[in-house]
N, C-alpha and C. Protein backbone atom coordinates (compact mmCIF):
# COMPACT_ATOMS: atom_id res chain seq x y z
N UNK A 1 177.75 199.04 65.02
CA UNK A 1 178.57 199.29 66.82
C UNK A 1 178.11 198.62 67.77
N UNK A 2 178.11 198.17 69.00
CA UNK A 2 178.00 196.48 69.16
C UNK A 2 177.18 196.74 70.48
N UNK A 3 175.95 196.50 70.76
CA UNK A 3 176.31 196.72 71.73
C UNK A 3 175.20 195.39 72.69
N UNK A 4 176.27 195.55 74.02
CA UNK A 4 175.96 194.64 74.84
C UNK A 4 174.54 194.62 75.47
N UNK A 5 173.76 192.95 75.94
CA UNK A 5 172.88 193.54 76.83
C UNK A 5 173.41 193.34 78.77
N UNK A 6 172.82 193.50 79.15
CA UNK A 6 173.35 193.89 80.22
C UNK A 6 172.75 192.40 81.07
N UNK A 7 173.82 191.60 82.60
CA UNK A 7 172.81 190.83 82.49
C UNK A 7 171.95 191.33 83.93
N UNK A 8 170.70 190.70 84.01
CA UNK A 8 169.68 191.15 85.11
C UNK A 8 170.70 191.14 86.32
N UNK A 9 170.81 191.81 87.57
CA UNK A 9 170.99 192.30 88.06
C UNK A 9 170.85 191.06 89.47
N UNK A 10 169.82 189.66 89.34
CA UNK A 10 169.48 188.85 90.30
C UNK A 10 170.79 187.66 89.73
N UNK A 11 171.26 188.07 88.12
CA UNK A 11 173.29 187.07 87.65
C UNK A 11 173.93 186.99 89.27
N UNK A 12 173.18 188.50 89.88
CA UNK A 12 175.30 189.10 89.99
C UNK A 12 175.27 188.34 91.22
N UNK A 13 174.40 187.87 91.57
CA UNK A 13 175.18 186.72 92.71
C UNK A 13 175.77 186.30 92.69
N UNK A 14 174.91 185.39 92.10
CA UNK A 14 176.26 184.54 92.49
C UNK A 14 177.97 184.62 91.01
N UNK A 15 178.54 183.90 91.60
CA UNK A 15 179.73 184.05 91.09
C UNK A 15 179.77 183.05 88.81
N UNK A 16 180.51 183.33 88.71
CA UNK A 16 179.88 183.02 87.07
C UNK A 16 179.08 183.40 86.19
N UNK A 17 178.21 184.69 86.95
CA UNK A 17 177.26 184.69 86.51
C UNK A 17 176.97 185.54 85.78
N UNK A 18 178.22 187.04 85.78
CA UNK A 18 178.02 188.31 85.30
C UNK A 18 177.73 188.10 83.64
N UNK A 19 179.01 187.86 83.18
CA UNK A 19 180.01 187.81 81.96
C UNK A 19 179.26 186.80 81.06
N UNK A 20 178.17 187.25 80.31
CA UNK A 20 177.90 186.56 79.43
C UNK A 20 177.99 185.01 78.47
N UNK A 21 179.62 184.97 79.02
CA UNK A 21 180.68 183.98 78.47
C UNK A 21 180.28 182.29 79.71
N UNK A 22 180.59 182.75 80.82
CA UNK A 22 180.69 182.91 81.89
C UNK A 22 179.80 182.13 82.14
N UNK A 23 178.37 183.15 82.17
CA UNK A 23 177.21 182.02 82.37
C UNK A 23 177.30 180.58 81.41
N UNK A 24 177.43 181.28 80.31
CA UNK A 24 177.24 180.02 79.23
C UNK A 24 178.18 178.62 79.74
N UNK A 25 179.55 179.07 80.98
CA UNK A 25 179.77 177.77 81.20
C UNK A 25 179.46 177.52 81.38
N UNK A 26 179.33 178.36 83.12
CA UNK A 26 178.26 177.70 84.13
C UNK A 26 177.33 177.40 84.33
N UNK A 27 176.49 177.45 83.29
CA UNK A 27 175.44 176.67 83.77
C UNK A 27 175.24 175.50 83.04
N UNK A 28 176.51 175.56 81.63
CA UNK A 28 176.23 173.70 81.31
C UNK A 28 176.72 172.59 81.93
N UNK A 29 177.80 173.74 83.39
CA UNK A 29 178.89 172.78 84.22
C UNK A 29 177.16 172.43 85.11
N UNK A 30 176.74 172.80 85.45
CA UNK A 30 175.65 172.68 86.59
C UNK A 30 174.61 171.76 85.67
N UNK A 31 174.19 172.22 85.07
CA UNK A 31 173.41 170.39 83.38
C UNK A 31 174.31 169.72 83.77
N UNK A 32 175.19 169.71 83.23
CA UNK A 32 175.71 168.61 83.16
C UNK A 32 176.31 167.92 84.60
N UNK A 33 176.64 168.76 85.98
CA UNK A 33 176.59 167.99 87.26
C UNK A 33 175.55 167.25 87.66
N UNK A 34 174.22 167.98 87.95
CA UNK A 34 173.45 167.52 87.28
C UNK A 34 173.01 166.06 87.10
N UNK A 35 173.07 166.34 85.68
CA UNK A 35 172.32 164.93 85.29
C UNK A 35 173.54 163.83 85.17
N UNK A 36 174.92 163.30 85.86
CA UNK A 36 175.33 162.90 86.52
C UNK A 36 175.12 161.98 87.95
N UNK A 37 174.53 163.54 88.19
CA UNK A 37 173.47 163.27 89.77
C UNK A 37 172.86 162.30 89.87
N UNK A 38 171.60 163.20 88.92
CA UNK A 38 170.55 161.41 88.84
C UNK A 38 170.78 160.46 87.96
N UNK A 39 171.20 160.44 86.95
CA UNK A 39 172.37 159.14 86.54
C UNK A 39 172.87 158.13 87.49
N UNK A 40 173.72 159.08 88.75
CA UNK A 40 174.08 157.63 89.85
C UNK A 40 173.32 157.31 90.36
N UNK A 41 172.61 158.51 90.58
CA UNK A 41 171.37 157.92 91.74
C UNK A 41 169.99 156.85 91.47
N UNK A 42 169.82 157.47 89.85
CA UNK A 42 168.51 156.14 89.74
C UNK A 42 169.33 155.10 89.39
N UNK A 43 171.15 154.72 88.58
CA UNK A 43 171.56 153.55 89.04
C UNK A 43 171.27 153.11 90.43
N UNK A 44 171.85 153.73 90.85
CA UNK A 44 172.34 152.84 92.24
C UNK A 44 170.70 152.35 92.70
N UNK A 45 170.39 152.65 92.69
CA UNK A 45 168.73 152.42 93.23
C UNK A 45 167.88 151.52 92.41
N UNK A 46 168.23 150.58 91.03
CA UNK A 46 168.03 150.45 89.72
C UNK A 46 168.53 149.25 90.80
N UNK A 47 169.67 149.06 91.23
CA UNK A 47 170.78 147.98 90.92
C UNK A 47 170.11 147.56 92.66
N UNK A 48 169.77 148.06 93.54
CA UNK A 48 169.63 148.34 95.20
C UNK A 48 168.66 147.74 94.92
N UNK A 49 167.30 147.51 93.81
CA UNK A 49 165.94 147.15 93.92
C UNK A 49 166.95 145.10 92.95
N UNK A 50 167.30 145.46 92.08
CA UNK A 50 167.15 143.67 91.41
C UNK A 50 168.70 143.19 91.90
N UNK A 51 169.69 143.61 92.03
CA UNK A 51 170.32 142.00 93.27
C UNK A 51 170.73 142.69 94.39
N UNK A 52 170.22 143.60 95.17
CA UNK A 52 169.70 143.41 96.97
C UNK A 52 168.66 142.08 97.45
N UNK A 53 167.65 142.69 96.36
CA UNK A 53 166.37 142.64 97.64
C UNK A 53 165.66 141.94 96.38
N UNK A 54 166.19 140.75 95.31
CA UNK A 54 166.09 139.93 94.22
C UNK A 54 165.93 138.73 95.34
N UNK A 55 166.69 138.00 96.03
CA UNK A 55 166.87 137.12 96.93
C UNK A 55 166.88 137.52 98.22
N UNK A 56 165.75 138.69 98.89
CA UNK A 56 165.19 139.01 100.27
C UNK A 56 163.96 138.28 99.78
N UNK A 57 163.46 137.61 100.96
CA UNK A 57 162.03 137.37 100.98
C UNK A 57 161.60 138.61 102.01
N UNK A 58 161.56 139.28 102.06
CA UNK A 58 161.06 140.05 103.12
C UNK A 58 161.10 141.10 102.10
N UNK A 59 160.99 141.17 100.92
CA UNK A 59 160.90 142.10 99.67
C UNK A 59 160.25 141.10 98.61
N UNK A 60 160.23 140.88 98.80
CA UNK A 60 159.58 139.51 97.43
C UNK A 60 158.21 138.08 97.62
N UNK A 61 157.79 138.13 96.38
CA UNK A 61 156.02 137.85 96.89
C UNK A 61 156.49 136.06 96.44
N UNK A 62 155.77 134.69 97.82
CA UNK A 62 156.63 134.08 96.97
C UNK A 62 155.01 133.15 95.39
N UNK A 63 154.45 134.38 94.89
CA UNK A 63 152.95 133.39 94.22
C UNK A 63 154.51 132.81 92.79
N UNK A 64 153.62 131.93 92.68
CA UNK A 64 154.65 131.22 91.55
C UNK A 64 156.14 130.16 91.92
N UNK A 65 156.62 130.83 92.94
CA UNK A 65 157.61 129.93 93.22
C UNK A 65 157.37 128.60 93.84
N UNK A 66 158.52 127.80 93.91
CA UNK A 66 158.82 126.96 94.50
C UNK A 66 159.40 126.79 96.42
N UNK A 67 158.56 126.22 96.87
CA UNK A 67 158.60 126.33 98.53
C UNK A 67 158.99 125.21 98.83
N UNK A 68 160.19 125.13 99.34
CA UNK A 68 161.19 124.21 100.20
C UNK A 68 161.18 124.59 101.88
N UNK A 69 160.56 126.23 102.11
CA UNK A 69 161.01 125.91 103.55
C UNK A 69 159.31 126.49 103.71
N UNK A 70 159.04 125.79 105.51
CA UNK A 70 157.26 126.39 105.57
C UNK A 70 157.79 126.31 107.02
N UNK A 71 156.69 127.20 107.92
CA UNK A 71 156.85 127.97 109.50
C UNK A 71 156.26 128.50 109.35
N UNK A 72 155.02 127.57 110.78
CA UNK A 72 153.86 128.15 111.20
C UNK A 72 155.05 128.56 112.73
N UNK A 73 153.68 129.57 113.49
CA UNK A 73 154.18 130.11 115.11
C UNK A 73 153.23 130.88 115.15
N UNK A 74 152.31 130.95 116.91
CA UNK A 74 151.52 131.78 117.81
C UNK A 74 151.85 132.84 117.75
N UNK A 75 151.14 134.33 117.81
CA UNK A 75 151.84 136.01 118.50
C UNK A 75 150.89 136.13 118.53
N UNK A 76 151.35 136.81 120.02
CA UNK A 76 150.34 137.82 120.05
C UNK A 76 151.34 138.16 120.68
N UNK A 77 149.96 140.09 120.81
CA UNK A 77 150.87 141.63 121.46
C UNK A 77 150.90 141.91 121.77
N UNK A 78 150.86 142.01 122.98
CA UNK A 78 150.14 143.41 124.10
C UNK A 78 151.12 145.07 124.09
N UNK A 79 150.62 146.20 123.74
CA UNK A 79 150.82 147.37 123.99
C UNK A 79 150.29 147.70 125.52
N UNK A 80 151.51 147.70 125.96
CA UNK A 80 150.49 148.98 128.06
C UNK A 80 150.05 147.55 128.83
N UNK A 81 150.01 146.86 128.31
CA UNK A 81 149.16 146.06 128.52
C UNK A 81 147.34 145.14 128.11
N UNK A 82 147.43 145.95 126.78
CA UNK A 82 145.95 145.55 126.30
C UNK A 82 147.04 144.80 124.97
N UNK A 83 145.80 143.75 124.55
CA UNK A 83 145.71 143.04 123.69
C UNK A 83 145.24 143.48 122.49
N UNK A 84 146.17 143.38 121.38
CA UNK A 84 146.45 143.75 120.14
C UNK A 84 146.04 143.28 119.87
N UNK A 85 145.00 142.81 118.19
CA UNK A 85 144.23 142.10 117.66
C UNK A 85 145.95 142.08 116.04
N UNK A 86 145.88 141.03 115.63
CA UNK A 86 146.65 140.35 114.54
C UNK A 86 146.11 140.33 113.79
N UNK A 87 145.71 141.41 112.66
CA UNK A 87 144.40 140.88 111.31
C UNK A 87 144.84 139.70 110.36
N UNK A 88 143.88 139.20 109.60
CA UNK A 88 143.76 138.26 108.60
C UNK A 88 144.71 138.75 107.63
N UNK A 89 144.91 138.03 107.22
CA UNK A 89 145.79 138.61 105.06
C UNK A 89 146.62 139.73 105.73
N UNK A 90 147.50 140.04 106.05
CA UNK A 90 149.30 140.59 106.77
C UNK A 90 149.05 140.47 105.78
N UNK A 91 150.09 139.97 104.85
CA UNK A 91 151.83 140.21 104.02
C UNK A 91 150.33 139.36 102.52
N UNK A 92 148.99 139.58 102.48
CA UNK A 92 149.28 138.93 101.58
C UNK A 92 148.08 140.51 100.15
N UNK A 93 147.67 140.49 99.15
CA UNK A 93 147.53 141.33 98.64
C UNK A 93 146.47 140.58 97.16
N UNK A 94 145.62 141.42 96.29
CA UNK A 94 145.29 140.73 95.10
C UNK A 94 146.70 139.54 94.68
N UNK A 95 148.38 140.63 94.48
CA UNK A 95 148.59 140.20 92.86
C UNK A 95 149.75 139.70 94.11
N UNK A 96 150.40 139.41 95.01
CA UNK A 96 151.06 139.34 95.76
C UNK A 96 151.04 138.68 97.43
N UNK A 97 152.13 136.97 97.66
CA UNK A 97 151.91 136.31 98.53
C UNK A 97 153.17 136.71 99.15
N UNK A 98 153.02 137.53 100.66
CA UNK A 98 154.43 137.56 101.52
C UNK A 98 154.56 136.55 102.31
N UNK A 99 156.91 136.87 102.01
CA UNK A 99 157.19 135.26 102.59
C UNK A 99 156.20 135.13 104.22
N UNK A 100 155.77 136.01 104.31
CA UNK A 100 155.99 136.63 106.09
C UNK A 100 153.64 136.86 106.08
N UNK A 101 152.91 136.11 106.68
CA UNK A 101 151.82 136.85 105.78
C UNK A 101 150.76 135.53 107.29
N UNK A 102 149.33 136.42 108.02
CA UNK A 102 149.27 135.79 107.99
C UNK A 102 147.44 134.90 107.28
N UNK A 103 146.68 134.16 107.90
CA UNK A 103 145.35 133.81 106.92
C UNK A 103 144.42 134.36 107.69
N UNK A 104 144.12 134.05 109.61
CA UNK A 104 143.85 135.38 109.67
C UNK A 104 143.23 136.20 110.63
N UNK A 105 142.51 135.86 111.59
CA UNK A 105 143.65 136.40 112.89
C UNK A 105 143.71 136.97 114.13
N UNK A 106 143.37 135.02 114.66
CA UNK A 106 143.61 133.99 115.55
C UNK A 106 145.08 134.05 116.24
N UNK A 107 146.04 134.95 114.88
CA UNK A 107 148.39 134.83 115.50
C UNK A 107 148.58 134.03 114.85
N UNK A 108 148.04 132.98 114.56
CA UNK A 108 149.16 132.38 113.55
C UNK A 108 149.30 133.28 112.59
N UNK A 109 150.92 132.79 112.00
CA UNK A 109 151.01 133.66 111.42
C UNK A 109 152.87 132.13 110.58
N UNK A 110 152.36 132.61 109.51
CA UNK A 110 153.31 132.23 108.28
C UNK A 110 154.34 131.90 108.22
N UNK A 111 155.45 131.47 107.32
CA UNK A 111 156.03 131.97 107.24
C UNK A 111 156.78 130.71 105.63
N UNK A 112 157.07 131.68 104.25
CA UNK A 112 157.46 130.10 103.79
C UNK A 112 158.51 130.89 102.50
N UNK A 113 159.72 130.12 101.99
CA UNK A 113 160.26 130.97 101.18
C UNK A 113 160.99 129.20 100.38
N UNK A 114 161.39 129.75 99.81
CA UNK A 114 162.45 128.66 98.58
C UNK A 114 163.67 127.66 99.16
N UNK A 115 163.93 128.55 100.89
CA UNK A 115 165.42 127.70 100.94
C UNK A 115 164.82 128.41 102.34
N UNK A 116 165.43 127.61 103.31
CA UNK A 116 165.32 127.83 104.98
C UNK A 116 166.06 129.35 105.46
N UNK A 117 165.44 130.37 106.22
CA UNK A 117 165.55 131.63 105.79
C UNK A 117 165.32 131.68 107.47
N UNK A 118 166.27 133.11 108.37
CA UNK A 118 165.65 133.17 109.24
C UNK A 118 164.99 134.35 109.67
N UNK A 119 164.31 133.76 109.24
CA UNK A 119 162.42 134.89 109.54
C UNK A 119 163.27 135.64 111.30
N UNK A 120 162.59 137.21 111.42
CA UNK A 120 162.57 137.23 113.22
C UNK A 120 161.48 137.35 113.43
N UNK A 121 160.82 137.39 114.75
CA UNK A 121 159.62 137.89 114.92
C UNK A 121 159.01 139.68 114.82
N UNK A 122 160.59 140.58 113.94
CA UNK A 122 160.52 141.79 114.28
C UNK A 122 160.84 142.40 112.34
N UNK A 123 160.51 140.75 111.84
CA UNK A 123 160.36 141.18 110.71
C UNK A 123 158.60 141.33 110.10
N UNK A 124 158.46 140.41 110.49
CA UNK A 124 156.53 140.60 111.34
C UNK A 124 156.30 141.91 110.76
N UNK A 125 156.32 142.07 111.99
CA UNK A 125 155.98 144.02 112.86
C UNK A 125 156.60 144.35 112.03
N UNK A 126 157.00 144.63 111.25
CA UNK A 126 157.85 145.70 110.79
C UNK A 126 156.43 145.35 109.35
N UNK A 127 156.40 143.43 108.45
CA UNK A 127 155.73 144.06 107.64
C UNK A 127 154.02 144.09 107.82
N UNK A 128 153.92 143.26 109.67
CA UNK A 128 151.96 144.07 109.68
C UNK A 128 152.38 145.87 109.78
N UNK A 129 153.11 146.61 109.76
CA UNK A 129 153.39 147.71 110.11
C UNK A 129 152.99 148.45 110.86
N UNK A 130 153.32 147.54 112.15
CA UNK A 130 153.68 147.58 113.79
C UNK A 130 154.45 148.77 114.34
N UNK A 131 153.92 149.69 115.01
CA UNK A 131 154.94 150.73 115.39
C UNK A 131 155.85 150.57 116.39
N UNK A 132 157.23 150.61 115.97
CA UNK A 132 158.17 150.47 116.67
C UNK A 132 158.21 151.18 116.94
N UNK A 133 159.23 152.29 117.31
CA UNK A 133 159.12 153.27 116.77
C UNK A 133 157.81 154.19 118.02
N UNK A 134 157.68 153.68 118.54
CA UNK A 134 156.99 154.64 119.80
C UNK A 134 156.35 153.33 121.15
N UNK A 135 157.83 152.30 120.91
CA UNK A 135 157.73 151.87 121.27
C UNK A 135 158.70 152.25 122.35
N UNK A 136 159.78 151.82 123.93
CA UNK A 136 160.38 151.67 124.64
C UNK A 136 160.73 150.48 124.60
N UNK A 137 161.72 150.36 124.00
CA UNK A 137 162.66 149.13 123.65
C UNK A 137 163.85 148.39 125.30
N UNK A 138 163.60 149.91 126.46
CA UNK A 138 164.22 149.08 128.01
C UNK A 138 162.72 147.78 128.47
N UNK A 139 161.85 148.32 127.97
CA UNK A 139 161.77 147.51 129.20
C UNK A 139 159.98 146.96 128.44
N UNK A 140 160.28 146.78 126.82
CA UNK A 140 159.37 146.21 126.52
C UNK A 140 161.01 144.56 125.94
N UNK A 141 159.49 143.50 125.75
CA UNK A 141 159.69 142.31 126.00
C UNK A 141 159.45 140.92 124.92
N UNK A 142 159.77 140.55 124.68
CA UNK A 142 159.62 139.12 124.11
C UNK A 142 159.73 138.36 124.35
N UNK A 143 158.81 137.06 124.46
CA UNK A 143 158.39 135.12 125.37
C UNK A 143 159.10 134.33 124.24
N UNK A 144 159.50 133.97 124.44
CA UNK A 144 158.98 132.37 123.46
C UNK A 144 158.64 131.40 124.34
N UNK A 145 158.01 130.88 124.12
CA UNK A 145 156.87 129.69 124.98
C UNK A 145 157.27 129.65 126.57
N UNK A 146 156.90 130.71 126.96
CA UNK A 146 157.12 131.40 128.14
C UNK A 146 157.87 131.93 129.17
N UNK A 147 159.58 132.06 128.20
CA UNK A 147 160.97 131.48 128.20
C UNK A 147 161.42 134.09 127.68
N UNK A 148 161.55 134.64 128.26
CA UNK A 148 161.52 135.96 127.53
C UNK A 148 163.36 135.73 126.90
N UNK A 149 162.61 136.08 125.87
CA UNK A 149 164.05 135.85 124.83
C UNK A 149 165.39 137.30 124.85
N UNK A 150 166.56 137.33 125.20
CA UNK A 150 167.60 138.07 124.40
C UNK A 150 167.85 138.77 123.70
N UNK A 151 167.00 138.07 122.64
CA UNK A 151 167.53 139.42 121.42
C UNK A 151 165.85 140.58 121.33
N UNK A 152 165.15 140.05 121.80
CA UNK A 152 163.81 140.76 121.72
C UNK A 152 163.95 140.33 120.20
N UNK A 153 163.04 142.00 119.66
CA UNK A 153 162.45 141.37 117.80
C UNK A 153 163.40 140.72 117.22
N UNK A 154 164.79 140.51 117.12
CA UNK A 154 165.48 139.80 116.39
C UNK A 154 165.30 138.04 116.97
N UNK A 155 164.38 137.50 117.84
CA UNK A 155 163.99 136.57 118.63
C UNK A 155 163.54 135.48 116.79
N UNK A 156 164.97 134.87 116.58
CA UNK A 156 164.07 133.43 114.95
C UNK A 156 162.21 133.12 115.21
N UNK A 157 162.18 133.37 114.31
CA UNK A 157 161.12 132.49 114.24
C UNK A 157 161.22 130.54 114.56
N UNK A 158 160.31 129.96 114.62
CA UNK A 158 160.19 127.86 114.68
C UNK A 158 159.29 128.15 115.35
N UNK A 159 159.47 127.15 113.83
CA UNK A 159 158.00 126.28 114.15
C UNK A 159 157.37 125.97 114.95
N UNK A 160 156.10 126.52 114.82
CA UNK A 160 155.85 125.26 116.64
C UNK A 160 155.48 125.69 117.97
N UNK A 161 155.80 127.58 118.30
CA UNK A 161 156.50 127.90 118.86
C UNK A 161 155.18 128.73 118.62
N UNK A 162 155.77 129.05 120.38
CA UNK A 162 154.63 130.29 120.89
C UNK A 162 155.01 131.93 120.97
N UNK A 163 154.96 133.45 120.60
CA UNK A 163 155.63 134.58 121.59
C UNK A 163 153.94 134.76 120.80
N UNK A 164 154.83 135.35 122.25
CA UNK A 164 154.35 136.65 123.42
C UNK A 164 155.19 138.25 122.85
N UNK A 165 154.90 138.46 123.11
CA UNK A 165 155.48 140.36 123.10
C UNK A 165 154.73 141.27 123.18
N UNK A 166 155.55 141.74 124.90
CA UNK A 166 154.65 142.93 125.23
C UNK A 166 155.91 143.87 125.11
N UNK A 167 154.88 144.78 125.20
CA UNK A 167 155.66 146.63 124.75
C UNK A 167 155.00 146.82 124.80
N UNK A 168 156.13 148.17 126.23
CA UNK A 168 155.15 149.66 126.11
C UNK A 168 155.34 151.09 125.38
N UNK A 169 154.39 151.51 125.46
CA UNK A 169 154.47 153.18 124.62
C UNK A 169 154.85 153.41 125.27
N UNK A 170 156.38 154.83 124.71
CA UNK A 170 156.79 155.42 124.99
C UNK A 170 156.20 156.90 125.38
N UNK A 171 154.19 156.54 125.09
CA UNK A 171 153.27 158.07 126.25
C UNK A 171 152.58 157.36 126.68
N UNK A 172 152.61 156.58 127.96
CA UNK A 172 151.59 155.83 128.70
C UNK A 172 151.88 156.17 130.09
N UNK A 173 152.12 157.72 129.62
CA UNK A 173 151.81 158.38 131.95
C UNK A 173 153.52 158.34 132.26
N UNK A 174 153.98 156.76 131.68
CA UNK A 174 155.36 156.73 132.90
C UNK A 174 156.28 158.03 132.67
N UNK A 175 156.12 158.22 130.87
CA UNK A 175 156.97 159.65 130.87
C UNK A 175 157.26 159.26 129.72
N UNK A 176 158.42 159.83 129.52
CA UNK A 176 157.98 160.42 127.45
C UNK A 176 157.83 160.66 127.34
N UNK A 177 156.95 161.48 126.21
CA UNK A 177 156.59 162.07 125.65
C UNK A 177 156.39 163.55 127.26
N UNK A 178 156.70 165.00 126.32
CA UNK A 178 156.09 166.08 128.06
C UNK A 178 154.64 165.92 128.24
N UNK A 179 154.44 166.21 128.76
CA UNK A 179 152.88 166.63 128.78
C UNK A 179 152.75 169.29 129.25
N UNK A 180 151.97 169.34 128.25
CA UNK A 180 152.44 171.10 128.57
C UNK A 180 150.36 171.66 129.40
N UNK A 181 150.25 170.77 130.63
CA UNK A 181 149.39 171.38 131.03
C UNK A 181 150.06 171.82 133.17
N UNK A 182 149.10 172.86 133.62
CA UNK A 182 149.45 172.56 134.40
C UNK A 182 149.48 171.07 135.05
N UNK A 183 149.75 171.41 136.72
CA UNK A 183 149.50 170.00 137.53
C UNK A 183 148.54 171.05 138.13
N UNK A 184 147.30 169.83 139.36
CA UNK A 184 146.33 170.11 139.18
C UNK A 184 146.28 170.78 140.92
């Protein structure tokens, strides 16, 4: 006498899971599909890290490289009219010195790479961890040597230039985030 084992009731809600032979084929198909998807994702990640970011100075350390391009500039950052500190050692850790960095907290930023590269003010802000998403792009401005730049955070860094970044936060009381306190 041949005894068949009934599939658990939770198998019945998915197509192809009721019959044991179909269940094996379905689970095999799902396992192969998952393995292919994971393989593609890992390959894509490795290719991007190795090929695309390999020569991008924003993702690389300059330790041990022959540096042929160096510039320095000063930067002041204001948020809602208050001057913000630019800390020392931005872009410098124990094992890695990035291509954009500071040596002290005096506002002097340095850029260095193996060849000329179009470093932007926004690159340094990103590396510093500045919260650009919390700023109102329509009201914020970047000045180069006292003249407003039309390129905003995409303003190119020039050797010896002075940059003044004036940001208006989204939450400074003149709009932005709603308040839920009743009017007084």
